Protein backbone atom coordinates (compact mmCIF):
# COMPACT_ATOMS: atom_id res chain seq x y z
CA UNK A 1 -35.97 -20.07 34.06
CA UNK A 2 -34.94 -23.42 35.52
CA UNK A 3 -33.68 -26.49 33.71
CA UNK A 4 -37.22 -27.88 33.27
CA UNK A 5 -38.50 -24.66 31.70
CA UNK A 6 -40.33 -23.33 34.77
CA UNK A 7 -40.15 -19.54 35.18
CA UNK A 8 -39.50 -18.29 38.73
CA UNK A 9 -40.13 -14.95 40.41
CA UNK A 10 -38.54 -13.68 43.63
CA UNK A 11 -39.93 -11.05 45.97
CA UNK A 12 -36.42 -10.13 47.13
CA UNK A 13 -32.88 -11.45 46.93
CA UNK A 14 -32.36 -14.56 49.02
CA UNK A 15 -36.06 -15.35 49.30
CA UNK A 16 -37.67 -18.56 48.10
CA UNK A 17 -39.20 -18.01 44.70
CA UNK A 18 -42.53 -19.03 43.21
CA UNK A 19 -43.19 -20.52 39.80
CA UNK A 20 -45.08 -18.09 37.58
CA UNK A 21 -44.98 -20.08 34.33
CA UNK A 22 -45.81 -23.78 34.14
CA UNK A 23 -44.42 -25.32 30.95
CA UNK A 24 -47.01 -28.12 30.99
CA UNK A 25 -50.03 -25.96 31.79
CA UNK A 26 -51.43 -27.64 28.68
CA UNK A 27 -50.69 -31.27 27.99
CA UNK A 28 -50.18 -30.24 24.36
CA UNK A 29 -46.71 -29.08 25.44
CA UNK A 30 -45.72 -32.53 26.65
CA UNK A 31 -43.96 -33.27 23.37
CA UNK A 32 -41.62 -30.31 23.97
CA UNK A 33 -40.66 -31.18 27.55
CA UNK A 34 -36.98 -31.91 28.03
CA UNK A 35 -35.89 -33.81 31.14
CA UNK A 36 -32.31 -32.97 32.20
CA UNK A 37 -29.57 -35.50 31.53
CA UNK A 38 -28.46 -37.11 34.84
CA UNK A 39 -24.88 -37.06 33.54
CA UNK A 40 -24.91 -33.25 33.50
CA UNK A 41 -24.68 -32.99 37.29
CA UNK A 42 -26.44 -33.03 40.63
CA UNK A 43 -29.58 -30.88 41.04
CA UNK A 44 -28.93 -29.50 44.54
CA UNK A 45 -31.74 -26.97 44.43
CA UNK A 46 -34.99 -26.67 42.53
CA UNK A 47 -34.16 -23.51 40.59
CA UNK A 48 -30.37 -23.38 40.53
CA UNK A 49 -27.68 -24.65 38.18
CA UNK A 50 -26.52 -28.24 38.26
CA UNK A 51 -23.32 -29.11 40.15
CA UNK A 52 -20.88 -31.15 38.08
CA UNK A 53 -20.27 -34.67 39.30
CA UNK A 54 -16.53 -34.01 39.55
CA UNK A 55 -17.23 -31.19 42.00
CA UNK A 56 -19.80 -33.27 43.90
CA UNK A 57 -17.37 -36.15 44.38
CA UNK A 58 -14.56 -33.77 45.36
CA UNK A 59 -16.76 -32.17 48.04
CA UNK A 60 -17.69 -35.62 49.37
CA UNK A 61 -14.03 -36.70 49.47
CA UNK A 62 -13.10 -33.55 51.36
CA UNK A 63 -15.84 -34.14 53.94
CA UNK A 64 -14.71 -37.73 54.42
CA UNK A 65 -11.05 -36.74 54.83
CA UNK A 66 -12.00 -34.11 57.44
CA UNK A 67 -14.05 -36.62 59.39
CA UNK A 68 -17.29 -34.72 58.79
CA UNK A 69 -20.71 -36.07 57.95
CA UNK A 70 -20.57 -37.20 54.33
CA UNK A 71 -23.84 -35.97 52.88
CA UNK A 72 -25.39 -34.83 49.65
CA UNK A 73 -28.76 -33.39 48.74
CA UNK A 74 -31.03 -33.95 45.76
CA UNK A 75 -33.13 -30.95 44.85
CA UNK A 76 -35.93 -29.90 47.18
CA UNK A 77 -38.93 -30.70 44.98
CA UNK A 78 -38.42 -34.37 44.43
CA UNK A 79 -41.72 -35.34 42.79
CA UNK A 80 -44.97 -33.80 44.01
CA UNK A 81 -43.61 -30.27 43.92
CA UNK A 82 -41.87 -30.75 40.59
CA UNK A 83 -45.13 -32.06 39.13
CA UNK A 84 -46.90 -28.97 40.44
CA UNK A 85 -44.22 -26.68 39.00
CA UNK A 86 -44.63 -28.28 35.60
CA UNK A 87 -48.42 -28.55 35.52
CA UNK A 88 -49.55 -25.89 38.01
CA UNK A 89 -50.89 -26.83 41.44
CA UNK A 90 -54.59 -26.75 40.61
CA UNK A 91 -54.09 -28.60 37.34
CA UNK A 92 -52.15 -31.32 39.14
CA UNK A 93 -54.85 -31.89 41.74
CA UNK A 94 -57.42 -32.20 38.95
CA UNK A 95 -55.06 -34.64 37.19
CA UNK A 96 -55.04 -36.82 40.30
CA UNK A 97 -58.81 -37.15 39.91
CA UNK A 98 -59.06 -37.49 36.12
CA UNK A 99 -55.87 -39.57 35.72
CA UNK A 100 -54.91 -38.58 32.16
CA UNK A 101 -52.36 -40.90 30.48
CA UNK A 102 -49.87 -38.03 30.23
CA UNK A 103 -49.67 -37.88 34.02
CA UNK A 104 -48.49 -41.49 34.22
CA UNK A 105 -45.88 -40.80 31.56
CA UNK A 106 -44.65 -37.67 33.34
CA UNK A 107 -44.38 -39.39 36.72
CA UNK A 108 -42.43 -42.24 35.14
CA UNK A 109 -40.01 -39.89 33.36
CA UNK A 110 -39.36 -37.82 36.49
CA UNK A 111 -38.98 -40.93 38.62
CA UNK A 112 -36.42 -42.37 36.24
CA UNK A 113 -34.49 -39.09 36.19
CA UNK A 114 -34.20 -38.86 39.98
CA UNK A 115 -33.41 -42.57 40.25
CA UNK A 116 -30.52 -42.12 37.82
CA UNK A 117 -29.26 -39.07 39.74
CA UNK A 118 -29.33 -41.07 42.96
CA UNK A 119 -27.52 -43.97 41.30
CA UNK A 120 -24.67 -41.62 40.41
CA UNK A 121 -24.49 -40.31 43.98
CA UNK A 122 -24.18 -43.84 45.29
CA UNK A 123 -21.10 -44.40 43.17
CA UNK A 124 -19.26 -42.54 45.91
CA UNK A 125 -18.23 -44.95 48.65
CA UNK A 126 -18.70 -43.68 52.18
CA UNK A 127 -21.87 -41.61 52.00
CA UNK A 128 -23.66 -41.22 55.32
CA UNK A 129 -26.92 -39.60 54.26
CA UNK A 130 -28.74 -38.21 51.22
CA UNK A 131 -31.17 -35.34 51.72
CA UNK A 132 -34.47 -34.97 49.87
CA UNK A 133 -37.43 -32.64 50.12
CA UNK A 134 -41.00 -32.66 48.88
CA UNK A 135 -43.69 -30.58 50.60
CA UNK A 136 -46.69 -32.90 50.79
CA UNK A 137 -48.93 -30.93 53.15
CA UNK A 138 -51.04 -27.80 53.21
CA UNK A 139 -51.58 -25.68 56.30
CA UNK A 140 -54.02 -28.04 58.02
CA UNK A 141 -54.52 -31.16 55.87
CA UNK A 142 -53.12 -33.34 53.13
CA UNK A 143 -54.01 -32.24 49.58
CA UNK A 144 -54.75 -35.71 48.21
CA UNK A 145 -56.10 -39.05 49.32
CA UNK A 146 -53.60 -41.65 50.43
CA UNK A 147 -54.80 -43.86 47.58
CA UNK A 148 -53.63 -41.15 45.15
CA UNK A 149 -50.32 -40.88 47.01
CA UNK A 150 -49.83 -44.64 46.72
CA UNK A 151 -50.65 -44.68 43.04
CA UNK A 152 -48.47 -41.81 41.85
CA UNK A 153 -45.83 -40.89 44.44
CA UNK A 154 -45.12 -43.81 46.76
CA UNK A 155 -43.70 -46.20 44.11
CA UNK A 156 -41.11 -43.60 43.04
CA UNK A 157 -40.14 -42.81 46.62
CA UNK A 158 -39.78 -46.50 47.43
CA UNK A 159 -37.71 -47.21 44.32
CA UNK A 160 -35.26 -44.40 45.12
CA UNK A 161 -35.13 -44.67 48.91
CA UNK A 162 -34.87 -48.46 49.08
CA UNK A 163 -31.85 -48.38 46.78
CA UNK A 164 -30.19 -45.90 49.12
CA UNK A 165 -30.99 -47.88 52.26
CA UNK A 166 -29.76 -51.10 50.63
CA UNK A 167 -26.45 -49.30 50.12
CA UNK A 168 -26.24 -48.62 53.86
CA UNK A 169 -26.96 -44.89 53.51
CA UNK A 170 -29.56 -42.94 55.47
CA UNK A 171 -32.44 -41.13 53.78
CA UNK A 172 -33.34 -37.70 55.19
CA UNK A 173 -36.69 -36.45 53.94
CA UNK A 174 -38.09 -32.98 54.61
CA UNK A 175 -41.78 -32.36 53.98
CA UNK A 176 -43.46 -29.14 55.03
CA UNK A 177 -47.08 -28.61 55.93
CA UNK A 178 -49.57 -30.92 57.62
CA UNK A 179 -48.45 -34.27 56.25
CA UNK A 180 -48.37 -36.62 59.23
CA UNK A 181 -50.84 -38.95 57.47
CA UNK A 182 -48.06 -39.74 54.99
CA UNK A 183 -45.31 -40.31 57.56
CA UNK A 184 -45.86 -44.06 57.86
CA UNK A 185 -45.73 -44.38 54.08
CA UNK A 186 -42.46 -42.46 53.89
CA UNK A 187 -40.95 -44.65 56.59
CA UNK A 188 -42.10 -47.74 54.69
CA UNK A 189 -40.50 -46.31 51.53
CA UNK A 190 -37.15 -46.10 53.33
CA UNK A 191 -36.94 -42.73 55.09
CA UNK A 192 -34.85 -43.00 58.26
CA UNK A 193 -34.74 -39.29 59.23
CA UNK A 194 -37.97 -37.34 58.75
CA UNK A 195 -38.21 -33.58 59.08
CA UNK A 196 -41.70 -32.42 60.01
CA UNK A 197 -43.05 -29.04 61.08
CA UNK A 198 -44.07 -29.02 64.70
CA UNK A 199 -47.22 -26.93 65.14
CA UNK A 200 -49.06 -27.95 61.97
CA UNK A 201 -48.51 -31.66 62.66
CA UNK A 202 -48.71 -31.53 66.46
CA UNK A 203 -45.76 -32.38 68.68
CA UNK A 204 -47.99 -34.72 70.69
CA UNK A 205 -48.96 -36.60 67.54
CA UNK A 206 -45.34 -36.90 66.51
CA UNK A 207 -44.33 -38.17 69.94
CA UNK A 208 -47.14 -40.71 70.14
CA UNK A 209 -46.49 -42.20 66.70
CA UNK A 210 -42.79 -41.83 65.97
CA UNK A 211 -40.70 -41.27 69.11
CA UNK A 212 -38.17 -44.08 69.33
CA UNK A 213 -39.21 -45.41 65.93
CA UNK A 214 -37.43 -42.99 63.63
CA UNK A 215 -35.13 -40.01 63.90
CA UNK A 216 -37.42 -36.97 63.97
CA UNK A 217 -35.99 -33.71 62.66
CA UNK A 218 -38.31 -31.02 63.98
CA UNK A 219 -38.76 -27.86 61.94
CA UNK A 220 -39.42 -25.29 64.68
CA UNK A 221 -42.48 -23.14 64.02
CA UNK A 222 -41.57 -20.22 61.77
CA UNK A 223 -45.10 -18.90 61.23
CA UNK A 224 -46.10 -17.68 64.68
CA UNK A 225 -43.80 -18.44 67.60
CA UNK A 226 -40.42 -17.42 66.19
CA UNK A 227 -41.57 -14.26 64.38
CA UNK A 228 -44.34 -13.08 66.73
CA UNK A 229 -43.83 -14.76 70.11
CA UNK A 230 -41.91 -13.34 73.04
CA UNK A 231 -38.36 -14.53 73.74
CA UNK A 232 -39.65 -16.57 76.67
CA UNK A 233 -42.30 -18.19 74.48
CA UNK A 234 -39.58 -19.12 71.99
CA UNK A 235 -37.44 -20.68 74.72
CA UNK A 236 -40.41 -22.51 76.23
CA UNK A 237 -41.45 -23.91 72.86
CA UNK A 238 -38.00 -25.34 72.17
CA UNK A 239 -37.88 -26.91 75.64
CA UNK A 240 -41.32 -28.47 75.15
CA UNK A 241 -40.19 -30.10 71.89
CA UNK A 242 -37.08 -31.57 73.52
CA UNK A 243 -39.06 -32.82 76.51
CA UNK A 244 -41.70 -34.46 74.32
CA UNK A 245 -39.50 -35.99 71.63
CA UNK A 246 -36.01 -36.32 73.08
CA UNK A 247 -34.46 -39.23 74.97
CA UNK A 248 -31.10 -40.48 76.19
CA UNK A 249 -31.04 -42.79 73.18
CA UNK A 250 -31.24 -39.85 70.78
CA UNK A 251 -33.48 -39.75 67.73
CA UNK A 252 -34.21 -36.01 67.78
CA UNK A 253 -32.85 -33.20 65.63
CA UNK A 254 -33.91 -29.55 65.54
CA UNK A 255 -33.98 -27.25 62.54
CA UNK A 256 -34.95 -23.63 62.24
CA UNK A 257 -35.39 -20.97 59.59
CA UNK A 258 -35.20 -17.23 60.10
CA UNK A 259 -37.34 -14.99 57.92
CA UNK A 260 -38.49 -11.39 58.31
CA UNK A 261 -39.88 -10.00 60.60
CA UNK A 262 -38.09 -12.05 63.30
CA UNK A 263 -36.46 -9.79 65.90
CA UNK A 264 -32.87 -10.11 67.06
CA UNK A 265 -34.18 -10.82 70.58
CA UNK A 266 -36.08 -13.87 69.32
CA UNK A 267 -33.11 -15.06 67.31
CA UNK A 268 -30.95 -14.86 70.44
CA UNK A 269 -33.60 -16.68 72.48
CA UNK A 270 -33.85 -19.41 69.85
CA UNK A 271 -30.10 -19.97 69.73
CA UNK A 272 -29.85 -19.95 73.53
CA UNK A 273 -32.68 -22.45 73.85
CA UNK A 274 -31.27 -24.84 71.26
CA UNK A 275 -27.81 -24.59 72.82
CA UNK A 276 -29.18 -25.00 76.34
CA UNK A 277 -31.22 -28.07 75.46
CA UNK A 278 -28.31 -29.83 73.77
CA UNK A 279 -27.44 -31.78 76.92
CA UNK A 280 -30.97 -31.95 78.36
CA UNK A 281 -30.77 -35.75 78.58
CA UNK A 282 -27.10 -35.84 79.58
CA UNK A 283 -23.91 -36.41 77.62
């Protein structure tokens, strides 16, 4: 059970869980919903305990003293996913059509909570970047019209991200699935580093629209190529990403996730390819 009252189930230890009980499946339960107190700590993950602010600030001070990147992350489920955890995914999509008054109230309460959390992070002087996540895409399309996105999600993103950018801190946003139709909106809201999945959004599309415009953090395909491709296909795929999106000026990051049933041979090929492409455009 997480701090919002959502019940989670895990297939095995270390796996990402799924929500199996939505506390707001009925709007009748709205009166019982408790939003966490921002003073209680930083929500680093969607289903884990809060981290006390004393510990957060100590970790940031240590990173700064060591000369490392000074970064912090707000839970991966910033708004759209948290709404779906509370209401249930199907219920939420119906809400976007019917627009019940409770939805507006819930969005406002969640937005205020995350804005207050971010405000407390920005009390630390010397932050480089704050990480966020909200999976806005499905396998091959966006799950809502952009007009819906602009009515319910975009104002919250802009409120939070613009405050961070005005403080001179970068905003890293990760959003899984096919969501490239929302990328311009996220950039307008203040995102300066955007993590997108490669195959479902199309590397060519990403290169045509965003190369040189924003730092692209590519989430290397974990559905087909890494688990089921050959080692050479893995290496070739990484090279193709670097060739399409990289440049001497920078602006490209690579991220990867390893899940069963990836073989050790493909893991080795992936690491070799990422290491080998590090200096593809020179030092």
